[in-house]
Amino acid sequence: VLASPPRHTSRFLSIWTLTLPLTLIATMGPSGALVAHPLICWALIGSEEVGHIIEEPFGSQVGGVLSFTKDRRTTSESLPLLKFCKQIQGDIQQIEEKWITAHKSRLGSVGSPDFANAGWADDGGMGDG
């Protein structure tokens, strides 16, 4: 996502909300402007923040690279993808352990299936032998 449109929107909203009281005082009076201005600003700036989250739902970039490692987490992860990925990884490891336990007689000495004898060694996993 380009940085220019969000910056332009933020600057525009800042200027607009700073000048809004001048118009509100003229139309609603000082007491009405005192109540209306914070509510209008809260709604508009909140909508802008939701827009920023929608633009980058997977987190912001750290150092030009989207990072999900333990030592370099993203600064704003809107969707908890790291948590989901770790759960999926744990589930796959459990399935793998159960499969290895159930098929120990067919496993090679390395602890993995003997894919070389199954014809999968040189064909990229296509199974054509």
Foldseek 3Di string as FASTA:
>chain_A
DDPPVLVVLVVVLVVCLVCVLVVCCVPPNDVRSVVPSVVVNCVVVVVSVVVVCVVPQQADDDPNHQDPDPVDHGPDHNDPVSVVVVVVVVVVVVVVVVVLVVPVVQPDPVSHHPVVVQVCPPPVRPSPD
